[in-house]
PDB file of N, CA and C in Angstrom:
ATOM      1  N   MET A   1     -41.928  19.005   9.919  1.00  0.00           N
ATOM      2  CA  MET A   1     -40.975  19.658  10.918  1.00  0.00           C
ATOM      3  C   MET A   1     -40.719  19.035  11.834  1.00  0.00           C
ATOM      4  N   PHE A   2     -39.776  18.531  12.380  1.00  0.00           N
ATOM      5  CA  PHE A   2     -39.049  17.708  13.397  1.00  0.00           C
ATOM      6  C   PHE A   2     -38.787  18.821  14.490  1.00  0.00           C
ATOM      7  N   SER A   3     -39.129  18.362  15.961  1.00  0.00           N
ATOM      8  CA  SER A   3     -38.958  19.779  16.949  1.00  0.00           C
ATOM      9  C   SER A   3     -37.692  19.209  17.243  1.00  0.00           C
ATOM     10  N   LEU A   4     -37.078  20.300  18.225  1.00  0.00           N
ATOM     11  CA  LEU A   4     -35.882  20.092  18.582  1.00  0.00           C
ATOM     12  C   LEU A   4     -35.991  18.977  19.681  1.00  0.00           C
ATOM     13  N   SER A   5     -36.955  18.961  20.511  1.00  0.00           N
ATOM     14  CA  SER A   5     -37.063  17.652  21.651  1.00  0.00           C
ATOM     15  C   SER A   5     -36.840  16.547  21.363  1.00  0.00           C
ATOM     16  N   THR A   6     -37.282  16.055  20.235  1.00  0.00           N
ATOM     17  CA  THR A   6     -37.244  14.859  19.382  1.00  0.00           C
ATOM     18  C   THR A   6     -35.814  14.534  18.900  1.00  0.00           C
ATOM     19  N   LEU A   7     -34.984  15.729  18.559  1.00  0.00           N
ATOM     20  CA  LEU A   7     -33.694  15.231  18.323  1.00  0.00           C
ATOM     21  C   LEU A   7     -32.834  15.268  19.337  1.00  0.00           C
ATOM     22  N   ARG A   8     -33.131  15.783  20.539  1.00  0.00           N
ATOM     23  CA  ARG A   8     -32.455  15.814  21.495  1.00  0.00           C
ATOM     24  C   ARG A   8     -32.137  14.141  22.382  1.00  0.00           C
ATOM     25  N   THR A   9     -33.589  13.838  22.122  1.00  0.00           N
ATOM     26  CA  THR A   9     -33.955  12.342  22.690  1.00  0.00           C
ATOM     27  C   THR A   9     -33.710  11.614  22.157  1.00  0.00           C
ATOM     28  N   ALA A  10     -33.254  11.507  20.882  1.00  0.00           N
ATOM     29  CA  ALA A  10     -32.606  10.698  20.000  1.00  0.00           C
ATOM     30  C   ALA A  10     -31.613   9.976  20.331  1.00  0.00           C
ATOM     31  N   PRO A  11     -31.678   8.398  20.181  1.00  0.00           N
ATOM     32  CA  PRO A  11     -30.162   7.756  20.523  1.00  0.00           C
ATOM     33  C   PRO A  11     -29.115   8.339  19.393  1.00  0.00           C
ATOM     34  N   ARG A  12     -28.229   8.431  20.240  1.00  0.00           N
ATOM     35  CA  ARG A  12     -27.037   8.737  19.347  1.00  0.00           C
ATOM     36  C   ARG A  12     -26.146   7.489  19.136  1.00  0.00           C
ATOM     37  N   GLN A  13     -25.252   7.335  18.225  1.00  0.00           N
ATOM     38  CA  GLN A  13     -24.790   6.360  17.799  1.00  0.00           C
ATOM     39  C   GLN A  13     -23.560   6.719  17.947  1.00  0.00           C
ATOM     40  N   THR A  14     -22.579   6.132  18.844  1.00  0.00           N
ATOM     41  CA  THR A  14     -21.403   6.720  19.335  1.00  0.00           C
ATOM     42  C   THR A  14     -20.651   5.117  19.346  1.00  0.00           C
ATOM     43  N   GLY A  15     -21.041   4.162  18.830  1.00  0.00           N
ATOM     44  CA  GLY A  15     -20.481   2.961  18.920  1.00  0.00           C
ATOM     45  C   GLY A  15     -18.840   2.741  18.240  1.00  0.00           C
ATOM     46  N   LEU A  16     -18.753   1.672  18.246  1.00  0.00           N
ATOM     47  CA  LEU A  16     -17.223   1.463  17.695  1.00  0.00           C
ATOM     48  C   LEU A  16     -17.133   1.556  16.269  1.00  0.00           C
ATOM     49  N   ALA A  17     -17.995   1.206  15.257  1.00  0.00           N
ATOM     50  CA  ALA A  17     -17.916   1.248  14.011  1.00  0.00           C
ATOM     51  C   ALA A  17     -18.132   2.859  13.573  1.00  0.00           C
ATOM     52  N   ASN A  18     -18.737   3.343  14.378  1.00  0.00           N
ATOM     53  CA  ASN A  18     -18.813   5.041  13.860  1.00  0.00           C
ATOM     54  C   ASN A  18     -17.586   5.754  14.596  1.00  0.00           C
ATOM     55  N   ARG A  19     -17.252   5.352  15.568  1.00  0.00           N
ATOM     56  CA  ARG A  19     -15.724   6.009  15.643  1.00  0.00           C
ATOM     57  C   ARG A  19     -14.559   5.306  14.756  1.00  0.00           C
ATOM     58  N   ARG A  20     -14.613   4.310  14.248  1.00  0.00           N
ATOM     59  CA  ARG A  20     -13.602   3.848  13.309  1.00  0.00           C
ATOM     60  C   ARG A  20     -13.956   4.717  11.942  1.00  0.00           C
ATOM     61  N   ALA A  21     -15.288   4.912  11.512  1.00  0.00           N
ATOM     62  CA  ALA A  21     -15.705   5.539  10.273  1.00  0.00           C
ATOM     63  C   ALA A  21     -14.588   7.002  10.161  1.00  0.00           C
ATOM     64  N   ILE A  22     -15.258   7.483  11.792  1.00  0.00           N
ATOM     65  CA  ILE A  22     -14.503   8.944  11.701  1.00  0.00           C
ATOM     66  C   ILE A  22     -12.926   9.022  11.641  1.00  0.00           C
ATOM     67  N   ALA A  23     -12.782   8.077  12.302  1.00  0.00           N
ATOM     68  CA  ALA A  23     -11.020   7.734  12.071  1.00  0.00           C
ATOM     69  C   ALA A  23     -10.561   7.905  10.885  1.00  0.00           C
ATOM     70  N   ARG A  24     -11.196   6.867  10.091  1.00  0.00           N
ATOM     71  CA  ARG A  24     -10.957   6.521   8.656  1.00  0.00           C
ATOM     72  C   ARG A  24     -10.914   7.781   7.878  1.00  0.00           C
ATOM     73  N   ILE A  25     -11.928   8.548   7.786  1.00  0.00           N
ATOM     74  CA  ILE A  25     -11.931   9.615   7.252  1.00  0.00           C
ATOM     75  C   ILE A  25     -11.054  11.018   7.634  1.00  0.00           C
ATOM     76  N   LEU A  26     -10.839  10.924   9.039  1.00  0.00           N
ATOM     77  CA  LEU A  26      -9.968  11.778   9.311  1.00  0.00           C
ATOM     78  C   LEU A  26      -8.703  11.810   8.500  1.00  0.00           C
ATOM     79  N   SER A  27      -8.018  10.439   8.881  1.00  0.00           N
ATOM     80  CA  SER A  27      -6.785  10.521   8.373  1.00  0.00           C
ATOM     81  C   SER A  27      -6.428  10.297   7.210  1.00  0.00           C
ATOM     82  N   THR A  28      -7.539   9.889   6.272  1.00  0.00           N
ATOM     83  CA  THR A  28      -7.777   9.982   4.785  1.00  0.00           C
ATOM     84  C   THR A  28      -7.522  11.570   4.529  1.00  0.00           C
ATOM     85  N   LEU A  29      -8.190  12.262   4.986  1.00  0.00           N
ATOM     86  CA  LEU A  29      -8.277  14.028   4.916  1.00  0.00           C
ATOM     87  C   LEU A  29      -6.562  14.347   5.219  1.00  0.00           C
ATOM     88  N   LEU A  30      -6.470  13.797   6.711  1.00  0.00           N
ATOM     89  CA  LEU A  30      -4.953  14.550   6.954  1.00  0.00           C
ATOM     90  C   LEU A  30      -3.626  13.785   5.701  1.00  0.00           C
ATOM     91  N   CYS A  31      -3.793  12.673   5.249  1.00  0.00           N
ATOM     92  CA  CYS A  31      -3.093  12.266   4.068  1.00  0.00           C
ATOM     93  C   CYS A  31      -3.395  12.818   2.912  1.00  0.00           C
ATOM     94  N   CYS A  32      -4.520  13.337   2.252  1.00  0.00           N
ATOM     95  CA  CYS A  32      -4.300  13.806   1.370  1.00  0.00           C
ATOM     96  C   CYS A  32      -3.922  15.771   1.748  1.00  0.00           C
ATOM     97  N   LEU A  33      -3.863  16.248   2.498  1.00  0.00           N
ATOM     98  CA  LEU A  33      -3.649  17.111   2.831  1.00  0.00           C
ATOM     99  C   LEU A  33      -2.056  17.469   2.773  1.00  0.00           C
ATOM    100  N   VAL A  34      -1.532  16.209   3.578  1.00  0.00           N
ATOM    101  CA  VAL A  34       0.086  16.130   3.423  1.00  0.00           C
ATOM    102  C   VAL A  34       0.257  15.997   1.673  1.00  0.00           C
ATOM    103  N   VAL A  35      -0.273  14.943   0.939  1.00  0.00           N
ATOM    104  CA  VAL A  35       0.217  15.167  -0.352  1.00  0.00           C
ATOM    105  C   VAL A  35       0.292  16.485  -1.003  1.00  0.00           C
ATOM    106  N   ALA A  36      -1.095  17.487  -0.868  1.00  0.00           N
ATOM    107  CA  ALA A  36      -1.374  18.328  -1.217  1.00  0.00           C
ATOM    108  C   ALA A  36      -0.429  19.707  -1.078  1.00  0.00           C
ATOM    109  N   ILE A  37       0.008  19.727   0.082  1.00  0.00           N
ATOM    110  CA  ILE A  37       0.576  21.201   0.580  1.00  0.00           C
ATOM    111  C   ILE A  37       1.939  20.916   0.247  1.00  0.00           C
ATOM    112  N   ARG A  38       2.392  21.977  -0.072  1.00  0.00           N
ATOM    113  CA  ARG A  38       3.694  22.119  -0.719  1.00  0.00           C
ATOM    114  C   ARG A  38       4.691  21.812  -0.125  1.00  0.00           C
ATOM    115  N   PRO A  39       4.830  22.434   1.041  1.00  0.00           N
ATOM    116  CA  PRO A  39       5.911  22.345   1.836  1.00  0.00           C
ATOM    117  C   PRO A  39       6.253  20.814   2.518  1.00  0.00           C
ATOM    118  N   PHE A  40       4.923  19.996   2.477  1.00  0.00           N
ATOM    119  CA  PHE A  40       5.369  18.556   3.106  1.00  0.00           C
ATOM    120  C   PHE A  40       5.367  17.835   1.893  1.00  0.00           C
ATOM    121  N   SER A  41       4.793  17.837   0.640  1.00  0.00           N
ATOM    122  CA  SER A  41       4.678  17.177  -0.330  1.00  0.00           C
ATOM    123  C   SER A  41       6.147  16.851  -0.930  1.00  0.00           C
ATOM    124  N   THR A  42       6.779  17.908  -0.985  1.00  0.00           N
ATOM    125  CA  THR A  42       8.349  18.110  -1.257  1.00  0.00           C
ATOM    126  C   THR A  42       9.081  16.926  -0.662  1.00  0.00           C
ATOM    127  N   TYR A  43       8.587  16.421   0.741  1.00  0.00           N
ATOM    128  CA  TYR A  43       9.645  15.527   1.180  1.00  0.00           C
ATOM    129  C   TYR A  43       9.486  14.143   0.872  1.00  0.00           C
ATOM    130  N   GLY A  44       8.277  13.965   0.370  1.00  0.00           N
ATOM    131  CA  GLY A  44       8.218  12.752  -0.625  1.00  0.00           C
ATOM    132  C   GLY A  44       8.734  12.568  -1.753  1.00  0.00           C
ATOM    133  N   GLY A  45       8.793  13.860  -2.498  1.00  0.00           N
ATOM    134  CA  GLY A  45       9.438  13.671  -3.829  1.00  0.00           C
ATOM    135  C   GLY A  45       8.060  13.274  -4.893  1.00  0.00           C
ATOM    136  N   PRO A  46       8.610  12.701  -5.978  1.00  0.00           N
ATOM    137  CA  PRO A  46       7.430  12.158  -6.922  1.00  0.00           C
ATOM    138  C   PRO A  46       6.447  11.365  -6.642  1.00  0.00           C
ATOM    139  N   TYR A  47       6.619  10.544  -5.378  1.00  0.00           N
ATOM    140  CA  TYR A  47       6.088   9.356  -4.777  1.00  0.00           C
ATOM    141  C   TYR A  47       5.067   9.768  -3.587  1.00  0.00           C
ATOM    142  N   ALA A  48       4.953  10.991  -3.451  1.00  0.00           N
ATOM    143  CA  ALA A  48       4.345  11.696  -2.071  1.00  0.00           C
ATOM    144  C   ALA A  48       2.976  10.983  -2.140  1.00  0.00           C
ATOM    145  N   PHE A  49       2.514  10.898  -3.255  1.00  0.00           N
ATOM    146  CA  PHE A  49       0.827  10.353  -3.319  1.00  0.00           C
ATOM    147  C   PHE A  49       0.848   8.642  -2.647  1.00  0.00           C
ATOM    148  N   LEU A  50       1.651   8.144  -2.340  1.00  0.00           N
ATOM    149  CA  LEU A  50       1.645   6.769  -1.876  1.00  0.00           C
ATOM    150  C   LEU A  50       1.494   6.745  -0.210  1.00  0.00           C
ATOM    151  N   VAL A  51       1.333   7.924   0.102  1.00  0.00           N
ATOM    152  CA  VAL A  51       1.437   8.029   1.882  1.00  0.00           C
ATOM    153  C   VAL A  51      -0.275   7.406   1.535  1.00  0.00           C
ATOM    154  N   ILE A  52      -1.342   7.890   0.999  1.00  0.00           N
ATOM    155  CA  ILE A  52      -2.535   7.196   0.910  1.00  0.00           C
ATOM    156  C   ILE A  52      -2.799   5.841   0.951  1.00  0.00           C
ATOM    157  N   THR A  53      -1.782   5.062  -0.090  1.00  0.00           N
ATOM    158  CA  THR A  53      -1.817   3.855  -0.016  1.00  0.00           C
ATOM    159  C   THR A  53      -1.360   3.227   0.839  1.00  0.00           C
ATOM    160  N   VAL A  54       0.101   3.493   1.389  1.00  0.00           N
ATOM    161  CA  VAL A  54       0.319   3.314   2.801  1.00  0.00           C
ATOM    162  C   VAL A  54      -0.918   3.149   4.092  1.00  0.00           C
ATOM    163  N   LYS A  55      -1.369   4.374   4.073  1.00  0.00           N
ATOM    164  CA  LYS A  55      -2.261   4.575   5.049  1.00  0.00           C
ATOM    165  C   LYS A  55      -3.391   3.339   4.846  1.00  0.00           C
ATOM    166  N   GLU A  56      -4.005   3.387   3.555  1.00  0.00           N
ATOM    167  CA  GLU A  56      -4.991   2.249   3.669  1.00  0.00           C
ATOM    168  C   GLU A  56      -4.576   0.852   3.675  1.00  0.00           C
ATOM    169  N   LEU A  57      -3.319   0.586   3.600  1.00  0.00           N
ATOM    170  CA  LEU A  57      -2.977  -1.152   3.627  1.00  0.00           C
ATOM    171  C   LEU A  57      -2.533  -1.168   5.348  1.00  0.00           C
ATOM    172  N   ILE A  58      -1.924  -0.065   6.340  1.00  0.00           N
ATOM    173  CA  ILE A  58      -1.726   0.166   7.472  1.00  0.00           C
ATOM    174  C   ILE A  58      -2.547   0.145   8.472  1.00  0.00           C
ATOM    175  N   PHE A  59      -3.472   1.070   8.313  1.00  0.00           N
ATOM    176  CA  PHE A  59      -5.081   1.689   9.101  1.00  0.00           C
ATOM    177  C   PHE A  59      -5.804   0.710   9.283  1.00  0.00           C
ATOM    178  N   ALA A  60      -5.751  -0.294   8.167  1.00  0.00           N
ATOM    179  CA  ALA A  60      -7.312  -1.514   8.442  1.00  0.00           C
ATOM    180  C   ALA A  60      -6.847  -2.562   9.677  1.00  0.00           C
ATOM    181  N   ILE A  61      -7.007  -2.095  10.844  1.00  0.00           N
ATOM    182  CA  ILE A  61      -6.806  -2.878  11.985  1.00  0.00           C
ATOM    183  C   ILE A  61      -8.065  -3.402  12.115  1.00  0.00           C
ATOM    184  N   GLN A  62      -8.115  -4.762  12.153  1.00  0.00           N
ATOM    185  CA  GLN A  62      -9.316  -5.436  12.504  1.00  0.00           C
ATOM    186  C   GLN A  62      -9.293  -6.045  13.953  1.00  0.00           C
ATOM    187  N   GLU A  63     -10.266  -6.769  13.806  1.00  0.00           N
ATOM    188  CA  GLU A  63     -10.526  -7.449  15.365  1.00  0.00           C
ATOM    189  C   GLU A  63      -9.905  -8.190  16.091  1.00  0.00           C
ATOM    190  N   ASN A  64      -9.326  -9.238  15.217  1.00  0.00           N
ATOM    191  CA  ASN A  64      -8.204 -10.234  15.867  1.00  0.00           C
ATOM    192  C   ASN A  64      -7.053  -9.902  14.339  1.00  0.00           C
ATOM    193  N   LEU A  65      -6.010 -11.305  14.882  1.00  0.00           N
ATOM    194  CA  LEU A  65      -4.941 -11.402  14.139  1.00  0.00           C
ATOM    195  C   LEU A  65      -5.391 -12.358  12.697  1.00  0.00           C
ATOM    196  N   ALA A  66      -6.476 -13.177  12.750  1.00  0.00           N
ATOM    197  CA  ALA A  66      -6.791 -13.917  11.543  1.00  0.00           C
ATOM    198  C   ALA A  66      -7.384 -12.935  10.738  1.00  0.00           C
ATOM    199  N   GLN A  67      -8.362 -11.800  11.174  1.00  0.00           N
ATOM    200  CA  GLN A  67      -8.870 -10.834   9.878  1.00  0.00           C
ATOM    201  C   GLN A  67      -7.827 -10.109   9.669  1.00  0.00           C
ATOM    202  N   GLN A  68      -6.912  -9.692  10.471  1.00  0.00           N
ATOM    203  CA  GLN A  68      -5.874  -8.790  10.059  1.00  0.00           C
ATOM    204  C   GLN A  68      -5.031  -9.282   8.745  1.00  0.00           C
ATOM    205  N   LEU A  69      -4.661 -10.585   8.882  1.00  0.00           N
ATOM    206  CA  LEU A  69      -3.730 -11.169   7.984  1.00  0.00           C
ATOM    207  C   LEU A  69      -4.286 -11.389   6.690  1.00  0.00           C
ATOM    208  N   GLU A  70      -5.607 -11.516   6.878  1.00  0.00           N
ATOM    209  CA  GLU A  70      -6.899 -11.782   5.302  1.00  0.00           C
ATOM    210  C   GLU A  70      -6.606 -10.651   4.863  1.00  0.00           C
ATOM    211  N   GLY A  71      -7.153  -9.554   5.798  1.00  0.00           N
ATOM    212  CA  GLY A  71      -6.941  -8.379   5.158  1.00  0.00           C
ATOM    213  C   GLY A  71      -5.805  -7.630   4.407  1.00  0.00           C
ATOM    214  N   THR A  72      -4.740  -7.895   5.140  1.00  0.00           N
ATOM    215  CA  THR A  72      -3.354  -7.775   4.786  1.00  0.00           C
ATOM    216  C   THR A  72      -2.870  -8.634   3.425  1.00  0.00           C
ATOM    217  N   VAL A  73      -3.336  -9.907   3.196  1.00  0.00           N
ATOM    218  CA  VAL A  73      -2.904 -10.649   1.988  1.00  0.00           C
ATOM    219  C   VAL A  73      -3.887 -10.353   0.836  1.00  0.00           C
ATOM    220  N   LEU A  74      -5.222 -10.144   1.004  1.00  0.00           N
ATOM    221  CA  LEU A  74      -5.993  -9.161   0.092  1.00  0.00           C
ATOM    222  C   LEU A  74      -5.345  -7.931  -0.562  1.00  0.00           C
ATOM    223  N   ASN A  75      -5.188  -7.124   0.574  1.00  0.00           N
ATOM    224  CA  ASN A  75      -4.967  -5.942   0.152  1.00  0.00           C
ATOM    225  C   ASN A  75      -3.436  -5.958  -0.791  1.00  0.00           C
ATOM    226  N   VAL A  76      -2.354  -6.764  -0.506  1.00  0.00           N
ATOM    227  CA  VAL A  76      -1.162  -7.028  -1.045  1.00  0.00           C
ATOM    228  C   VAL A  76      -1.607  -7.684  -2.681  1.00  0.00           C
ATOM    229  N   MET A  77      -2.421  -8.603  -2.775  1.00  0.00           N
ATOM    230  CA  MET A  77      -2.834  -9.189  -3.904  1.00  0.00           C
ATOM    231  C   MET A  77      -3.720  -8.401  -4.628  1.00  0.00           C
ATOM    232  N   GLY A  78      -4.278  -7.398  -3.928  1.00  0.00           N
ATOM    233  CA  GLY A  78      -4.980  -6.421  -5.032  1.00  0.00           C
ATOM    234  C   GLY A  78      -4.270  -5.504  -5.428  1.00  0.00           C
ATOM    235  N   ALA A  79      -3.071  -5.066  -4.704  1.00  0.00           N
ATOM    236  CA  ALA A  79      -2.091  -4.154  -5.112  1.00  0.00           C
ATOM    237  C   ALA A  79      -1.136  -4.728  -6.089  1.00  0.00           C
ATOM    238  N   LEU A  80      -0.483  -6.065  -6.279  1.00  0.00           N
ATOM    239  CA  LEU A  80      -0.047  -6.704  -7.305  1.00  0.00           C
ATOM    240  C   LEU A  80      -1.114  -6.708  -8.684  1.00  0.00           C
ATOM    241  N   PHE A  81      -2.397  -7.000  -8.515  1.00  0.00           N
ATOM    242  CA  PHE A  81      -2.985  -6.924  -9.743  1.00  0.00           C
ATOM    243  C   PHE A  81      -3.125  -5.759 -10.325  1.00  0.00           C
ATOM    244  N   ALA A  82      -3.616  -4.805  -9.233  1.00  0.00           N
ATOM    245  CA  ALA A  82      -3.310  -3.488 -10.124  1.00  0.00           C
ATOM    246  C   ALA A  82      -2.226  -2.888 -10.673  1.00  0.00           C
ATOM    247  N   ILE A  83      -1.101  -3.407 -10.402  1.00  0.00           N
ATOM    248  CA  ILE A  83       0.211  -2.984 -10.709  1.00  0.00           C
ATOM    249  C   ILE A  83       0.143  -3.793 -11.939  1.00  0.00           C
ATOM    250  N   GLY A  84      -0.094  -4.937 -11.922  1.00  0.00           N
ATOM    251  CA  GLY A  84       0.074  -5.785 -13.178  1.00  0.00           C
ATOM    252  C   GLY A  84      -1.057  -4.858 -14.563  1.00  0.00           C
ATOM    253  N   VAL A  85      -1.666  -4.722 -13.902  1.00  0.00           N
ATOM    254  CA  VAL A  85      -2.708  -3.816 -15.012  1.00  0.00           C
ATOM    255  C   VAL A  85      -2.051  -2.803 -15.502  1.00  0.00           C
ATOM    256  N   SER A  86      -1.762  -2.214 -14.776  1.00  0.00           N
ATOM    257  CA  SER A  86      -1.334  -0.629 -14.983  1.00  0.00           C
ATOM    258  C   SER A  86       0.408  -0.919 -15.939  1.00  0.00           C
ATOM    259  N   THR A  87       0.664  -1.538 -15.296  1.00  0.00           N
ATOM    260  CA  THR A  87       2.191  -1.997 -16.493  1.00  0.00           C
ATOM    261  C   THR A  87       1.302  -2.493 -17.853  1.00  0.00           C
ATOM    262  N   LEU A  88       0.610  -3.439 -17.897  1.00  0.00           N
ATOM    263  CA  LEU A  88       0.150  -4.132 -19.178  1.00  0.00           C
ATOM    264  C   LEU A  88      -0.410  -2.803 -19.839  1.00  0.00           C
ATOM    265  N   ALA A  89      -1.266  -1.836 -19.534  1.00  0.00           N
ATOM    266  CA  ALA A  89      -1.741  -0.495 -19.828  1.00  0.00           C
ATOM    267  C   ALA A  89      -0.686   0.361 -20.461  1.00  0.00           C
ATOM    268  N   LYS A  90       0.548   0.437 -19.774  1.00  0.00           N
ATOM    269  CA  LYS A  90       1.489   0.943 -20.133  1.00  0.00           C
ATOM    270  C   LYS A  90       2.161   0.773 -21.507  1.00  0.00           C
ATOM    271  N   TYR A  91       2.623  -0.517 -20.947  1.00  0.00           N
ATOM    272  CA  TYR A  91       2.850  -1.467 -22.477  1.00  0.00           C
ATOM    273  C   TYR A  91       2.014  -1.062 -23.599  1.00  0.00           C
ATOM    274  N   LEU A  92       0.895  -1.363 -23.520  1.00  0.00           N
ATOM    275  CA  LEU A  92       0.245  -1.405 -24.624  1.00  0.00           C
ATOM    276  C   LEU A  92      -0.296   0.066 -25.240  1.00  0.00           C
ATOM    277  N   ALA A  93       0.143   0.890 -24.268  1.00  0.00           N
ATOM    278  CA  ALA A  93      -0.062   2.305 -24.646  1.00  0.00           C
ATOM    279  C   ALA A  93       1.574   2.791 -25.334  1.00  0.00           C
ATOM    280  N   ASN A  94       2.681   2.229 -25.280  1.00  0.00           N
ATOM    281  CA  ASN A  94       3.910   2.682 -25.827  1.00  0.00           C
ATOM    282  C   ASN A  94       3.719   1.736 -26.952  1.00  0.00           C
ATOM    283  N   ILE A  95       2.847   0.805 -27.567  1.00  0.00           N
ATOM    284  CA  ILE A  95       3.208   0.149 -28.646  1.00  0.00           C
ATOM    285  C   ILE A  95       3.059   1.031 -30.066  1.00  0.00           C
ATOM    286  N   PRO A  96       1.964   1.988 -30.037  1.00  0.00           N
ATOM    287  CA  PRO A  96       1.857   2.815 -31.192  1.00  0.00           C
ATOM    288  C   PRO A  96       2.610   3.908 -31.423  1.00  0.00           C
ATOM    289  N   GLY A  97       3.488   4.566 -30.223  1.00  0.00           N
ATOM    290  CA  GLY A  97       4.113   5.487 -30.671  1.00  0.00           C
ATOM    291  C   GLY A  97       3.623   6.996 -29.611  1.00  0.00           C
ATOM    292  N   THR A  98       4.410   7.644 -29.162  1.00  0.00           N
ATOM    293  CA  THR A  98       4.107   8.556 -28.714  1.00  0.00           C
ATOM    294  C   THR A  98       3.012   9.917 -28.644  1.00  0.00           C
ATOM    295  N   ASN A  99       2.516  10.082 -29.848  1.00  0.00           N
ATOM    296  CA  ASN A  99       2.001  10.950 -30.367  1.00  0.00           C
ATOM    297  C   ASN A  99       0.672  10.263 -31.225  1.00  0.00           C
ATOM    298  N   ALA A 100       0.284   8.966 -31.062  1.00  0.00           N
ATOM    299  CA  ALA A 100      -0.890   8.474 -31.801  1.00  0.00           C
ATOM    300  C   ALA A 100      -1.844   8.691 -30.585  1.00  0.00           C
ATOM    301  N   VAL A 101      -3.000   8.377 -30.926  1.00  0.00           N
ATOM    302  CA  VAL A 101      -4.446   8.670 -30.462  1.00  0.00           C
ATOM    303  C   VAL A 101      -4.231   7.642 -29.351  1.00  0.00           C
ATOM    304  N   MET A 102      -4.341   6.334 -29.876  1.00  0.00           N
ATOM    305  CA  MET A 102      -4.354   5.106 -29.257  1.00  0.00           C
ATOM    306  C   MET A 102      -3.467   5.186 -27.806  1.00  0.00           C
ATOM    307  N   ALA A 103      -2.294   6.058 -28.092  1.00  0.00           N
ATOM    308  CA  ALA A 103      -1.503   6.150 -26.834  1.00  0.00           C
ATOM    309  C   ALA A 103      -2.130   6.963 -25.395  1.00  0.00           C
ATOM    310  N   ARG A 104      -2.907   7.845 -26.074  1.00  0.00           N
ATOM    311  CA  ARG A 104      -4.043   8.187 -24.906  1.00  0.00           C
ATOM    312  C   ARG A 104      -5.007   7.467 -24.540  1.00  0.00           C
ATOM    313  N   THR A 105      -5.829   6.722 -25.457  1.00  0.00           N
ATOM    314  CA  THR A 105      -6.660   6.081 -25.515  1.00  0.00           C
ATOM    315  C   THR A 105      -6.611   4.787 -24.463  1.00  0.00           C
ATOM    316  N   VAL A 106      -5.530   4.053 -24.271  1.00  0.00           N
ATOM    317  CA  VAL A 106      -5.641   2.809 -24.083  1.00  0.00           C
ATOM    318  C   VAL A 106      -5.424   3.095 -21.978  1.00  0.00           C
ATOM    319  N   PRO A 107      -4.355   4.201 -21.976  1.00  0.00           N
ATOM    320  CA  PRO A 107      -4.486   4.440 -20.205  1.00  0.00           C
ATOM    321  C   PRO A 107      -6.073   4.880 -19.999  1.00  0.00           C
ATOM    322  N   ALA A 108      -6.615   5.644 -20.819  1.00  0.00           N
ATOM    323  CA  ALA A 108      -7.924   6.314 -20.340  1.00  0.00           C
ATOM    324  C   ALA A 108      -8.729   4.813 -20.049  1.00  0.00           C
ATOM    325  N   ILE A 109      -8.869   3.820 -21.204  1.00  0.00           N
ATOM    326  CA  ILE A 109      -9.490   3.081 -20.821  1.00  0.00           C
ATOM    327  C   ILE A 109      -9.575   1.925 -19.566  1.00  0.00           C
ATOM    328  N   PHE A 110      -7.809   1.874 -19.808  1.00  0.00           N
ATOM    329  CA  PHE A 110      -7.972   1.229 -18.591  1.00  0.00           C
ATOM    330  C   PHE A 110      -7.948   1.481 -17.203  1.00  0.00           C
ATOM    331  N   LEU A 111      -7.784   3.408 -16.952  1.00  0.00           N
ATOM    332  CA  LEU A 111      -8.145   3.749 -15.996  1.00  0.00           C
ATOM    333  C   LEU A 111      -9.843   3.799 -15.434  1.00  0.00           C
ATOM    334  N   VAL A 112     -10.471   3.929 -16.251  1.00  0.00           N
ATOM    335  CA  VAL A 112     -12.115   3.782 -15.972  1.00  0.00           C
ATOM    336  C   VAL A 112     -12.171   2.225 -15.764  1.00  0.00           C
ATOM    337  N   PHE A 113     -11.489   1.246 -16.435  1.00  0.00           N
ATOM    338  CA  PHE A 113     -11.421  -0.209 -16.085  1.00  0.00           C
ATOM    339  C   PHE A 113     -11.168  -0.253 -14.498  1.00  0.00           C
ATOM    340  N   ILE A 114     -10.028   0.285 -14.013  1.00  0.00           N
ATOM    341  CA  ILE A 114      -9.461   0.155 -12.829  1.00  0.00           C
ATOM    342  C   ILE A 114     -10.597   0.549 -11.459  1.00  0.00           C
ATOM    343  N   THR A 115     -10.881   1.891 -12.140  1.00  0.00           N
ATOM    344  CA  THR A 115     -11.863   2.839 -11.098  1.00  0.00           C
ATOM    345  C   THR A 115     -13.303   1.887 -10.959  1.00  0.00           C
ATOM    346  N   PHE A 116     -13.800   1.139 -11.645  1.00  0.00           N
ATOM    347  CA  PHE A 116     -14.675   0.261 -11.570  1.00  0.00           C
ATOM    348  C   PHE A 116     -14.860  -1.138 -10.846  1.00  0.00           C
ATOM    349  N   VAL A 117     -13.583  -1.743 -10.997  1.00  0.00           N
ATOM    350  CA  VAL A 117     -13.580  -2.932 -10.418  1.00  0.00           C
ATOM    351  C   VAL A 117     -12.655  -2.573  -9.242  1.00  0.00           C
ATOM    352  N   GLY A 118     -12.261  -1.606  -8.762  1.00  0.00           N
ATOM    353  CA  GLY A 118     -12.237  -1.270  -7.292  1.00  0.00           C
ATOM    354  C   GLY A 118     -13.341  -1.562  -6.396  1.00  0.00           C
ATOM    355  N   GLU A 119     -13.109  -1.594  -5.114  1.00  0.00           N
ATOM    356  CA  GLU A 119     -13.877  -1.554  -4.321  1.00  0.00           C
ATOM    357  C   GLU A 119     -15.083  -1.064  -4.601  1.00  0.00           C
TER     358      GLU A 119
END
């Protein structure tokens, strides 16, 4: 069992990395609340969920301009790749017909693929 005196004298980690992590978590929570709460989500229409994507693209502020440009370019390339994979999944799901089992299986397989390929 730990005593309270050891917890009080333990060094606290309040560095820049910790503040950034807290800021990221807080901003993601706020964006999720904006998407989930009904009066605010109606302002975004059917695309209200994109606020989280925009937050991830814009919030990732780095130390210098080179890191920021690299992160932006990689994010845009990843987004375009994901859009291409999603479009391919939608196309392949529409080929068999609307009530076919493959119409539901193909998007599920692609969703699992996209989930594990991401960060």
